[in-house]
N, C-alpha and C. Protein backbone atom coordinates (compact mmCIF):
# COMPACT_ATOMS: atom_id res chain seq x y z
N MET A 1 -32.61 -50.22 54.12
CA MET A 1 -33.64 -51.24 54.05
C MET A 1 -34.98 -50.58 54.33
N HIS A 2 -35.94 -50.81 53.47
CA HIS A 2 -37.27 -50.22 53.62
C HIS A 2 -38.22 -51.26 54.20
N THR A 3 -38.92 -50.87 55.27
CA THR A 3 -39.91 -51.75 55.88
C THR A 3 -41.26 -51.43 55.28
N PRO A 4 -41.96 -52.43 54.73
CA PRO A 4 -43.28 -52.14 54.15
C PRO A 4 -44.25 -51.70 55.24
N VAL A 5 -45.13 -50.80 54.88
CA VAL A 5 -46.12 -50.30 55.82
C VAL A 5 -47.24 -51.31 55.94
N PRO A 6 -47.50 -51.82 57.15
CA PRO A 6 -48.57 -52.80 57.32
C PRO A 6 -49.94 -52.23 56.94
N ASP A 7 -50.82 -53.13 56.54
CA ASP A 7 -52.17 -52.75 56.11
C ASP A 7 -52.95 -52.03 57.20
N ILE A 8 -52.59 -52.25 58.48
CA ILE A 8 -53.35 -51.61 59.56
C ILE A 8 -53.35 -50.10 59.44
N TYR A 9 -52.31 -49.52 58.84
CA TYR A 9 -52.24 -48.07 58.72
C TYR A 9 -53.28 -47.55 57.74
N ASN A 10 -53.67 -48.39 56.79
CA ASN A 10 -54.73 -47.99 55.87
C ASN A 10 -56.08 -48.06 56.56
N ARG A 11 -56.24 -49.01 57.50
CA ARG A 11 -57.52 -49.15 58.21
C ARG A 11 -57.62 -48.20 59.40
N ARG A 12 -56.47 -47.84 60.00
CA ARG A 12 -56.46 -46.99 61.19
C ARG A 12 -55.59 -45.76 60.93
N PRO A 13 -56.12 -44.75 60.23
CA PRO A 13 -55.30 -43.58 59.91
C PRO A 13 -54.88 -42.79 61.15
N ASP A 14 -55.49 -43.07 62.32
CA ASP A 14 -55.11 -42.35 63.53
C ASP A 14 -53.77 -42.85 64.08
N LEU A 15 -53.27 -43.98 63.56
CA LEU A 15 -51.98 -44.49 64.01
C LEU A 15 -50.87 -43.76 63.27
N ILE A 16 -49.88 -43.38 63.99
CA ILE A 16 -48.73 -42.71 63.38
C ILE A 16 -47.59 -43.71 63.35
N PHE A 17 -47.00 -43.88 62.21
CA PHE A 17 -45.94 -44.86 62.03
C PHE A 17 -44.59 -44.17 62.11
N ILE A 18 -43.83 -44.52 63.09
CA ILE A 18 -42.49 -43.99 63.24
C ILE A 18 -41.56 -45.20 63.31
N THR A 19 -40.55 -45.20 62.55
CA THR A 19 -39.63 -46.33 62.56
C THR A 19 -38.26 -45.85 63.01
N LEU A 20 -37.71 -46.53 64.03
CA LEU A 20 -36.34 -46.30 64.45
C LEU A 20 -35.52 -47.43 63.86
N LYS A 21 -34.52 -47.09 63.09
CA LYS A 21 -33.73 -48.13 62.44
C LYS A 21 -32.41 -48.31 63.17
N ASN A 22 -32.03 -49.54 63.29
CA ASN A 22 -30.80 -49.96 63.94
C ASN A 22 -30.32 -51.15 63.13
N PRO A 23 -29.01 -51.37 63.03
CA PRO A 23 -28.55 -52.53 62.25
C PRO A 23 -29.14 -53.86 62.73
N ASN A 24 -29.55 -53.95 63.99
CA ASN A 24 -30.02 -55.22 64.52
C ASN A 24 -31.54 -55.37 64.55
N PHE A 25 -32.27 -54.27 64.50
CA PHE A 25 -33.72 -54.40 64.59
C PHE A 25 -34.41 -53.17 64.02
N VAL A 26 -35.70 -53.34 63.77
CA VAL A 26 -36.56 -52.22 63.40
C VAL A 26 -37.66 -52.17 64.44
N LEU A 27 -37.83 -51.03 65.08
CA LEU A 27 -38.81 -50.89 66.15
C LEU A 27 -39.87 -49.90 65.71
N ASN A 28 -41.13 -50.30 65.76
CA ASN A 28 -42.23 -49.43 65.34
C ASN A 28 -42.99 -48.90 66.55
N PHE A 29 -43.28 -47.62 66.54
CA PHE A 29 -44.08 -47.00 67.59
C PHE A 29 -45.35 -46.46 66.96
N TYR A 30 -46.43 -46.45 67.73
CA TYR A 30 -47.71 -45.95 67.27
C TYR A 30 -48.15 -44.83 68.18
N ASP A 31 -48.98 -43.97 67.66
CA ASP A 31 -49.54 -42.91 68.48
C ASP A 31 -50.34 -43.56 69.61
N MET A 32 -49.98 -43.27 70.84
CA MET A 32 -50.58 -43.95 71.98
C MET A 32 -51.95 -43.35 72.33
N VAL A 33 -52.79 -44.15 72.93
CA VAL A 33 -54.10 -43.72 73.38
C VAL A 33 -53.93 -42.65 74.45
N ASP A 34 -54.74 -41.60 74.38
CA ASP A 34 -54.70 -40.58 75.42
C ASP A 34 -55.39 -41.15 76.65
N TYR A 35 -54.60 -41.50 77.63
CA TYR A 35 -55.11 -42.21 78.81
C TYR A 35 -55.65 -41.28 79.89
N LYS A 36 -55.51 -40.00 79.73
CA LYS A 36 -55.86 -39.06 80.81
C LYS A 36 -57.33 -39.11 81.22
N ASN A 37 -58.20 -39.52 80.32
CA ASN A 37 -59.62 -39.66 80.67
C ASN A 37 -60.00 -41.09 81.02
N ILE A 38 -59.03 -42.00 80.96
CA ILE A 38 -59.30 -43.41 81.24
C ILE A 38 -58.66 -43.85 82.56
N ILE A 39 -57.42 -43.46 82.78
CA ILE A 39 -56.71 -43.84 84.00
C ILE A 39 -57.08 -42.88 85.12
N THR A 40 -57.53 -43.44 86.24
CA THR A 40 -57.91 -42.62 87.40
C THR A 40 -57.11 -43.07 88.62
N ILE A 41 -56.83 -42.11 89.48
CA ILE A 41 -56.12 -42.42 90.73
C ILE A 41 -56.95 -41.83 91.86
N GLU A 42 -57.39 -42.72 92.74
CA GLU A 42 -58.18 -42.32 93.90
C GLU A 42 -57.48 -42.84 95.15
N PRO A 43 -57.21 -41.96 96.12
CA PRO A 43 -56.45 -42.38 97.31
C PRO A 43 -57.04 -43.58 98.04
N GLY A 44 -58.35 -43.71 98.11
CA GLY A 44 -58.96 -44.80 98.86
C GLY A 44 -59.21 -46.07 98.09
N LYS A 45 -58.82 -46.11 96.83
CA LYS A 45 -59.10 -47.28 95.99
C LYS A 45 -57.79 -47.94 95.57
N ARG A 46 -57.67 -49.23 95.88
CA ARG A 46 -56.50 -50.04 95.52
C ARG A 46 -55.20 -49.36 95.93
N GLY A 47 -55.22 -48.71 97.08
CA GLY A 47 -54.00 -48.09 97.62
C GLY A 47 -53.50 -46.91 96.82
N GLY A 48 -54.38 -46.26 96.08
CA GLY A 48 -53.98 -45.11 95.29
C GLY A 48 -53.29 -45.46 93.98
N LYS A 49 -53.35 -46.73 93.60
CA LYS A 49 -52.73 -47.15 92.34
C LYS A 49 -53.58 -46.67 91.17
N PRO A 50 -52.97 -46.46 90.00
CA PRO A 50 -53.74 -46.04 88.83
C PRO A 50 -54.69 -47.15 88.38
N CYS A 51 -55.97 -46.79 88.26
CA CYS A 51 -57.03 -47.74 87.90
C CYS A 51 -57.65 -47.35 86.57
N ILE A 52 -58.41 -48.27 86.03
CA ILE A 52 -59.11 -48.06 84.76
C ILE A 52 -60.52 -47.55 85.05
N ARG A 53 -60.82 -46.37 84.54
CA ARG A 53 -62.16 -45.76 84.61
C ARG A 53 -62.85 -45.93 85.96
N ARG A 54 -62.16 -45.63 87.03
CA ARG A 54 -62.70 -45.65 88.39
C ARG A 54 -63.11 -47.05 88.86
N MET A 55 -62.72 -48.08 88.09
CA MET A 55 -62.98 -49.45 88.51
C MET A 55 -61.85 -49.89 89.44
N ARG A 56 -61.93 -51.10 89.93
CA ARG A 56 -60.90 -51.64 90.81
C ARG A 56 -59.86 -52.45 90.05
N ILE A 57 -59.82 -52.27 88.75
CA ILE A 57 -58.82 -52.92 87.91
C ILE A 57 -57.69 -51.92 87.70
N THR A 58 -56.46 -52.32 88.11
CA THR A 58 -55.33 -51.40 88.02
C THR A 58 -54.56 -51.59 86.71
N VAL A 59 -53.76 -50.58 86.41
CA VAL A 59 -52.84 -50.67 85.28
C VAL A 59 -51.94 -51.89 85.47
N ASN A 60 -51.46 -52.08 86.69
CA ASN A 60 -50.59 -53.21 86.98
C ASN A 60 -51.29 -54.55 86.74
N ASP A 61 -52.58 -54.64 87.04
CA ASP A 61 -53.32 -55.87 86.75
C ASP A 61 -53.24 -56.19 85.26
N ILE A 62 -53.51 -55.20 84.43
CA ILE A 62 -53.50 -55.40 82.98
C ILE A 62 -52.10 -55.77 82.50
N LEU A 63 -51.09 -55.07 82.99
CA LEU A 63 -49.72 -55.39 82.59
C LEU A 63 -49.35 -56.81 83.00
N GLY A 64 -49.77 -57.20 84.18
CA GLY A 64 -49.50 -58.56 84.65
C GLY A 64 -50.17 -59.61 83.79
N TRP A 65 -51.41 -59.36 83.41
CA TRP A 65 -52.12 -60.33 82.56
C TRP A 65 -51.43 -60.46 81.21
N LEU A 66 -51.05 -59.32 80.62
CA LEU A 66 -50.35 -59.37 79.34
C LEU A 66 -49.01 -60.07 79.47
N ALA A 67 -48.28 -59.78 80.55
CA ALA A 67 -46.97 -60.40 80.78
C ALA A 67 -47.08 -61.90 81.00
N SER A 68 -48.20 -62.34 81.55
CA SER A 68 -48.38 -63.78 81.80
C SER A 68 -48.80 -64.54 80.54
N GLY A 69 -49.01 -63.81 79.45
CA GLY A 69 -49.33 -64.47 78.18
C GLY A 69 -50.77 -64.34 77.74
N MET A 70 -51.60 -63.67 78.54
CA MET A 70 -52.98 -63.47 78.10
C MET A 70 -53.00 -62.54 76.89
N SER A 71 -53.83 -62.85 75.93
CA SER A 71 -53.99 -61.96 74.78
C SER A 71 -55.01 -60.88 75.14
N MET A 72 -55.06 -59.86 74.32
CA MET A 72 -56.04 -58.80 74.55
C MET A 72 -57.45 -59.39 74.49
N GLU A 73 -57.66 -60.31 73.58
CA GLU A 73 -58.98 -60.95 73.45
C GLU A 73 -59.34 -61.74 74.71
N ASP A 74 -58.34 -62.42 75.29
CA ASP A 74 -58.58 -63.17 76.54
C ASP A 74 -59.01 -62.22 77.66
N ILE A 75 -58.31 -61.11 77.78
CA ILE A 75 -58.62 -60.14 78.84
C ILE A 75 -60.01 -59.57 78.63
N LEU A 76 -60.33 -59.20 77.40
CA LEU A 76 -61.65 -58.60 77.12
C LEU A 76 -62.78 -59.61 77.33
N THR A 77 -62.50 -60.89 77.11
CA THR A 77 -63.50 -61.92 77.35
C THR A 77 -63.71 -62.15 78.84
N ASP A 78 -62.60 -62.21 79.59
CA ASP A 78 -62.69 -62.45 81.03
C ASP A 78 -63.20 -61.25 81.81
N TYR A 79 -62.93 -60.06 81.31
CA TYR A 79 -63.32 -58.82 81.99
C TYR A 79 -64.11 -57.98 81.01
N ASN A 80 -65.38 -58.32 80.84
CA ASN A 80 -66.19 -57.66 79.82
C ASN A 80 -66.48 -56.20 80.12
N GLU A 81 -66.12 -55.72 81.32
CA GLU A 81 -66.27 -54.30 81.61
C GLU A 81 -65.15 -53.47 81.00
N LEU A 82 -64.10 -54.14 80.52
CA LEU A 82 -62.99 -53.45 79.86
C LEU A 82 -63.22 -53.40 78.36
N ASN A 83 -62.59 -52.43 77.73
CA ASN A 83 -62.59 -52.39 76.27
C ASN A 83 -61.15 -52.23 75.78
N GLN A 84 -60.98 -52.29 74.49
CA GLN A 84 -59.65 -52.26 73.89
C GLN A 84 -58.90 -50.98 74.25
N ASP A 85 -59.58 -49.85 74.26
CA ASP A 85 -58.93 -48.59 74.62
C ASP A 85 -58.42 -48.60 76.05
N ASP A 86 -59.10 -49.31 76.94
CA ASP A 86 -58.64 -49.41 78.32
C ASP A 86 -57.27 -50.10 78.39
N ILE A 87 -57.11 -51.16 77.61
CA ILE A 87 -55.84 -51.88 77.61
C ILE A 87 -54.75 -51.02 76.99
N TYR A 88 -55.07 -50.35 75.88
CA TYR A 88 -54.09 -49.46 75.27
C TYR A 88 -53.75 -48.29 76.20
N ALA A 89 -54.73 -47.81 76.95
CA ALA A 89 -54.47 -46.73 77.90
C ALA A 89 -53.52 -47.19 78.99
N ALA A 90 -53.69 -48.41 79.48
CA ALA A 90 -52.78 -48.95 80.50
C ALA A 90 -51.36 -49.04 79.95
N LEU A 91 -51.22 -49.51 78.72
CA LEU A 91 -49.90 -49.60 78.10
C LEU A 91 -49.30 -48.22 77.88
N SER A 92 -50.12 -47.29 77.44
CA SER A 92 -49.65 -45.92 77.20
C SER A 92 -49.21 -45.27 78.51
N TYR A 93 -49.99 -45.45 79.55
CA TYR A 93 -49.65 -44.90 80.86
C TYR A 93 -48.32 -45.49 81.35
N ALA A 94 -48.17 -46.80 81.22
CA ALA A 94 -46.94 -47.46 81.66
C ALA A 94 -45.75 -46.97 80.84
N ALA A 95 -45.93 -46.78 79.55
CA ALA A 95 -44.84 -46.29 78.71
C ALA A 95 -44.43 -44.87 79.13
N ASP A 96 -45.40 -44.03 79.40
CA ASP A 96 -45.08 -42.68 79.87
C ASP A 96 -44.35 -42.71 81.19
N ARG A 97 -44.78 -43.57 82.10
CA ARG A 97 -44.11 -43.69 83.39
C ARG A 97 -42.67 -44.18 83.20
N GLU A 98 -42.48 -45.12 82.29
CA GLU A 98 -41.16 -45.67 82.03
C GLU A 98 -40.23 -44.62 81.42
N ASN A 99 -40.79 -43.72 80.62
CA ASN A 99 -39.97 -42.72 79.94
C ASN A 99 -39.64 -41.51 80.79
N ASN A 100 -40.24 -41.39 81.96
CA ASN A 100 -39.90 -40.27 82.85
C ASN A 100 -38.47 -40.42 83.32
N ILE A 101 -37.83 -39.30 83.50
CA ILE A 101 -36.46 -39.29 84.01
C ILE A 101 -36.51 -38.93 85.47
N TYR A 102 -35.93 -39.79 86.28
CA TYR A 102 -35.90 -39.57 87.72
C TYR A 102 -34.48 -39.21 88.14
N GLN A 103 -34.34 -38.14 88.88
CA GLN A 103 -33.02 -37.75 89.36
C GLN A 103 -32.85 -38.28 90.78
N ILE A 104 -31.70 -38.89 91.02
CA ILE A 104 -31.44 -39.42 92.34
C ILE A 104 -30.10 -38.86 92.83
N ALA A 105 -29.98 -38.74 94.14
CA ALA A 105 -28.72 -38.29 94.72
C ALA A 105 -27.76 -39.47 94.82
N ILE A 106 -26.51 -39.21 94.50
CA ILE A 106 -25.51 -40.28 94.58
C ILE A 106 -24.50 -39.93 95.65
């Protein structure tokens, strides 16, 4: 089964389209925003949690807003100091954290 390529790839050539096929679903991944210049961690700010551009807005704040049903547009309207790349950076950072392998003693 061939999945048509969405028009966004023509408008955003920086996105890389990778499709993982499974009999039950098709999952698309995009090249994630390089968050290393956006996500900052400072020991004295918000308990050392990862923050957006040295502000007091954490990655967890953004994830929580998205999980509660806020759209990206809602977040950008309510927090005009943020931009779209900040939200993508938070998602990219969280995805990298999720993909790390942690070894534990059993």
